[in-house]
Amino acid sequence: MPSKSPRCPLCGKARDAEFKPFCSRGCRDRDLLNWFGEGYRVPADQAPDGTADEDRFDEG
């Protein structure tokens, strides 16, 4: 059985060694923007400091 070559985690194309683990600069930058924009945020009912979201004063 042939082994699968590693794929880009965003689009599934073959990886490029220059942009590993991504296939291109575009996918690499898109991933970075997801991190900056909190696209990978894990939803939680309580903030790390122990306060509930509705009790926080630093929001809007």
N, C-alpha and C. Protein backbone atom coordinates (compact mmCIF):
# COMPACT_ATOMS: atom_id res chain seq x y z
N MET A 1 0.85 -1.19 0.00
CA MET A 1 0.00 0.00 0.00
C MET A 1 0.89 1.25 0.00
N PRO A 2 0.68 2.17 -0.93
CA PRO A 2 1.51 3.38 -0.98
C PRO A 2 1.25 4.29 0.21
N SER A 3 2.32 4.93 0.68
CA SER A 3 2.15 5.86 1.81
C SER A 3 1.60 7.19 1.31
N LYS A 4 0.81 7.80 2.12
CA LYS A 4 0.24 9.11 1.77
C LYS A 4 1.29 10.19 1.99
N SER A 5 1.42 11.09 1.04
CA SER A 5 2.33 12.21 1.24
C SER A 5 1.64 13.24 2.12
N PRO A 6 2.40 13.95 2.92
CA PRO A 6 1.80 14.96 3.81
C PRO A 6 1.04 16.02 3.00
N ARG A 7 -0.05 16.46 3.54
CA ARG A 7 -0.90 17.45 2.88
C ARG A 7 -1.01 18.71 3.71
N CYS A 8 -1.32 19.80 3.03
CA CYS A 8 -1.54 21.09 3.68
C CYS A 8 -2.76 20.96 4.59
N PRO A 9 -2.65 21.39 5.85
CA PRO A 9 -3.78 21.27 6.78
C PRO A 9 -4.96 22.18 6.42
N LEU A 10 -4.75 23.19 5.58
CA LEU A 10 -5.85 24.10 5.24
C LEU A 10 -6.58 23.70 3.97
N CYS A 11 -5.84 23.36 2.91
CA CYS A 11 -6.52 23.11 1.64
C CYS A 11 -6.36 21.69 1.13
N GLY A 12 -5.45 20.90 1.71
CA GLY A 12 -5.28 19.52 1.32
C GLY A 12 -4.33 19.28 0.15
N LYS A 13 -3.74 20.33 -0.41
CA LYS A 13 -2.77 20.16 -1.49
C LYS A 13 -1.46 19.63 -0.91
N ALA A 14 -0.57 19.15 -1.79
CA ALA A 14 0.73 18.65 -1.35
C ALA A 14 1.53 19.76 -0.69
N ARG A 15 2.24 19.43 0.37
CA ARG A 15 3.06 20.40 1.09
C ARG A 15 4.25 20.86 0.26
N ASP A 16 4.68 22.07 0.52
CA ASP A 16 5.89 22.61 -0.09
C ASP A 16 6.90 22.79 1.04
N ALA A 17 8.11 22.28 0.85
CA ALA A 17 9.14 22.33 1.90
C ALA A 17 9.41 23.76 2.36
N GLU A 18 9.29 24.73 1.47
CA GLU A 18 9.55 26.13 1.83
C GLU A 18 8.51 26.67 2.80
N PHE A 19 7.27 26.17 2.73
CA PHE A 19 6.18 26.70 3.56
C PHE A 19 5.64 25.66 4.54
N LYS A 20 6.41 24.61 4.79
CA LYS A 20 6.00 23.51 5.65
C LYS A 20 5.38 23.99 6.94
N PRO A 21 4.25 23.51 7.36
CA PRO A 21 3.49 22.37 6.85
C PRO A 21 2.45 22.74 5.80
N PHE A 22 2.54 23.92 5.23
CA PHE A 22 1.54 24.39 4.27
C PHE A 22 2.02 24.19 2.84
N CYS A 23 1.14 24.43 1.88
CA CYS A 23 1.48 24.24 0.47
C CYS A 23 1.97 25.53 -0.18
N SER A 24 1.66 26.66 0.41
CA SER A 24 1.99 27.94 -0.22
C SER A 24 2.04 29.04 0.83
N ARG A 25 2.52 30.19 0.40
CA ARG A 25 2.53 31.37 1.27
C ARG A 25 1.10 31.78 1.63
N GLY A 26 0.19 31.63 0.68
CA GLY A 26 -1.21 32.00 0.92
C GLY A 26 -1.82 31.22 2.07
N CYS A 27 -1.63 29.90 2.08
CA CYS A 27 -2.18 29.09 3.17
C CYS A 27 -1.47 29.40 4.49
N ARG A 28 -0.17 29.62 4.43
CA ARG A 28 0.57 29.98 5.65
C ARG A 28 0.04 31.28 6.23
N ASP A 29 -0.17 32.28 5.38
CA ASP A 29 -0.67 33.57 5.85
C ASP A 29 -2.11 33.47 6.33
N ARG A 30 -2.92 32.65 5.66
CA ARG A 30 -4.31 32.48 6.09
C ARG A 30 -4.36 31.87 7.49
N ASP A 31 -3.48 30.89 7.76
CA ASP A 31 -3.41 30.29 9.08
C ASP A 31 -3.02 31.32 10.13
N LEU A 32 -2.03 32.16 9.81
CA LEU A 32 -1.60 33.20 10.75
C LEU A 32 -2.74 34.18 11.03
N LEU A 33 -3.49 34.54 10.00
CA LEU A 33 -4.63 35.44 10.20
C LEU A 33 -5.70 34.80 11.08
N ASN A 34 -5.88 33.49 10.97
CA ASN A 34 -6.83 32.80 11.85
C ASN A 34 -6.39 32.92 13.31
N TRP A 35 -5.08 32.81 13.56
CA TRP A 35 -4.58 32.97 14.92
C TRP A 35 -4.78 34.41 15.41
N PHE A 36 -4.44 35.38 14.57
CA PHE A 36 -4.60 36.79 14.96
C PHE A 36 -6.06 37.15 15.19
N GLY A 37 -6.95 36.61 14.38
CA GLY A 37 -8.36 36.92 14.48
C GLY A 37 -9.12 36.02 15.44
N GLU A 38 -8.41 35.24 16.23
CA GLU A 38 -8.98 34.32 17.20
C GLU A 38 -9.88 33.28 16.54
N GLY A 39 -9.55 32.90 15.29
CA GLY A 39 -10.30 31.86 14.59
C GLY A 39 -10.15 30.50 15.22
N TYR A 40 -9.10 30.31 16.01
CA TYR A 40 -8.85 29.03 16.66
C TYR A 40 -9.20 29.08 18.15
N ARG A 41 -9.93 30.08 18.55
CA ARG A 41 -10.30 30.26 19.96
C ARG A 41 -11.22 29.13 20.42
N VAL A 42 -11.00 28.64 21.62
CA VAL A 42 -11.85 27.62 22.20
C VAL A 42 -12.90 28.32 23.05
N PRO A 43 -14.19 28.13 22.73
CA PRO A 43 -15.22 28.80 23.52
C PRO A 43 -15.24 28.30 24.97
N ALA A 44 -15.47 29.22 25.89
CA ALA A 44 -15.52 28.87 27.31
C ALA A 44 -16.59 29.71 28.00
N ASP A 45 -17.20 29.14 29.01
CA ASP A 45 -18.20 29.85 29.79
C ASP A 45 -17.56 30.77 30.82
N GLN A 46 -16.34 30.48 31.19
CA GLN A 46 -15.67 31.25 32.22
C GLN A 46 -14.29 31.67 31.73
N ALA A 47 -13.92 32.89 32.02
CA ALA A 47 -12.61 33.42 31.64
C ALA A 47 -11.53 32.78 32.51
N PRO A 48 -10.29 32.77 32.07
CA PRO A 48 -9.20 32.18 32.86
C PRO A 48 -9.04 32.78 34.25
N ASP A 49 -9.44 34.05 34.42
CA ASP A 49 -9.29 34.67 35.74
C ASP A 49 -10.44 34.33 36.68
N GLY A 50 -11.38 33.48 36.24
CA GLY A 50 -12.46 33.02 37.10
C GLY A 50 -13.75 33.81 36.98
N THR A 51 -13.77 34.90 36.20
CA THR A 51 -15.00 35.67 36.06
C THR A 51 -15.81 35.14 34.88
N ALA A 52 -17.09 35.25 34.96
CA ALA A 52 -17.96 34.87 33.86
C ALA A 52 -17.88 35.94 32.78
N ASP A 53 -18.15 35.57 31.54
CA ASP A 53 -18.05 36.51 30.42
C ASP A 53 -18.90 37.76 30.65
N GLU A 54 -20.09 37.62 31.19
CA GLU A 54 -20.96 38.79 31.37
C GLU A 54 -20.51 39.68 32.53
N ASP A 55 -19.58 39.19 33.39
CA ASP A 55 -19.07 39.99 34.51
C ASP A 55 -17.82 40.79 34.14
N ARG A 56 -17.31 40.63 32.94
CA ARG A 56 -16.06 41.29 32.57
C ARG A 56 -16.32 42.75 32.25
N PHE A 57 -15.42 43.62 32.67
CA PHE A 57 -15.56 45.07 32.47
C PHE A 57 -14.85 45.56 31.22
N ASP A 58 -13.97 44.73 30.65
CA ASP A 58 -13.17 45.18 29.52
C ASP A 58 -13.86 44.97 28.18
N GLU A 59 -15.10 44.56 28.16
CA GLU A 59 -15.83 44.36 26.91
C GLU A 59 -16.80 45.50 26.68
N GLY A 60 -16.97 45.82 25.41
CA GLY A 60 -17.80 46.80 24.85
C GLY A 60 -18.75 47.59 25.51
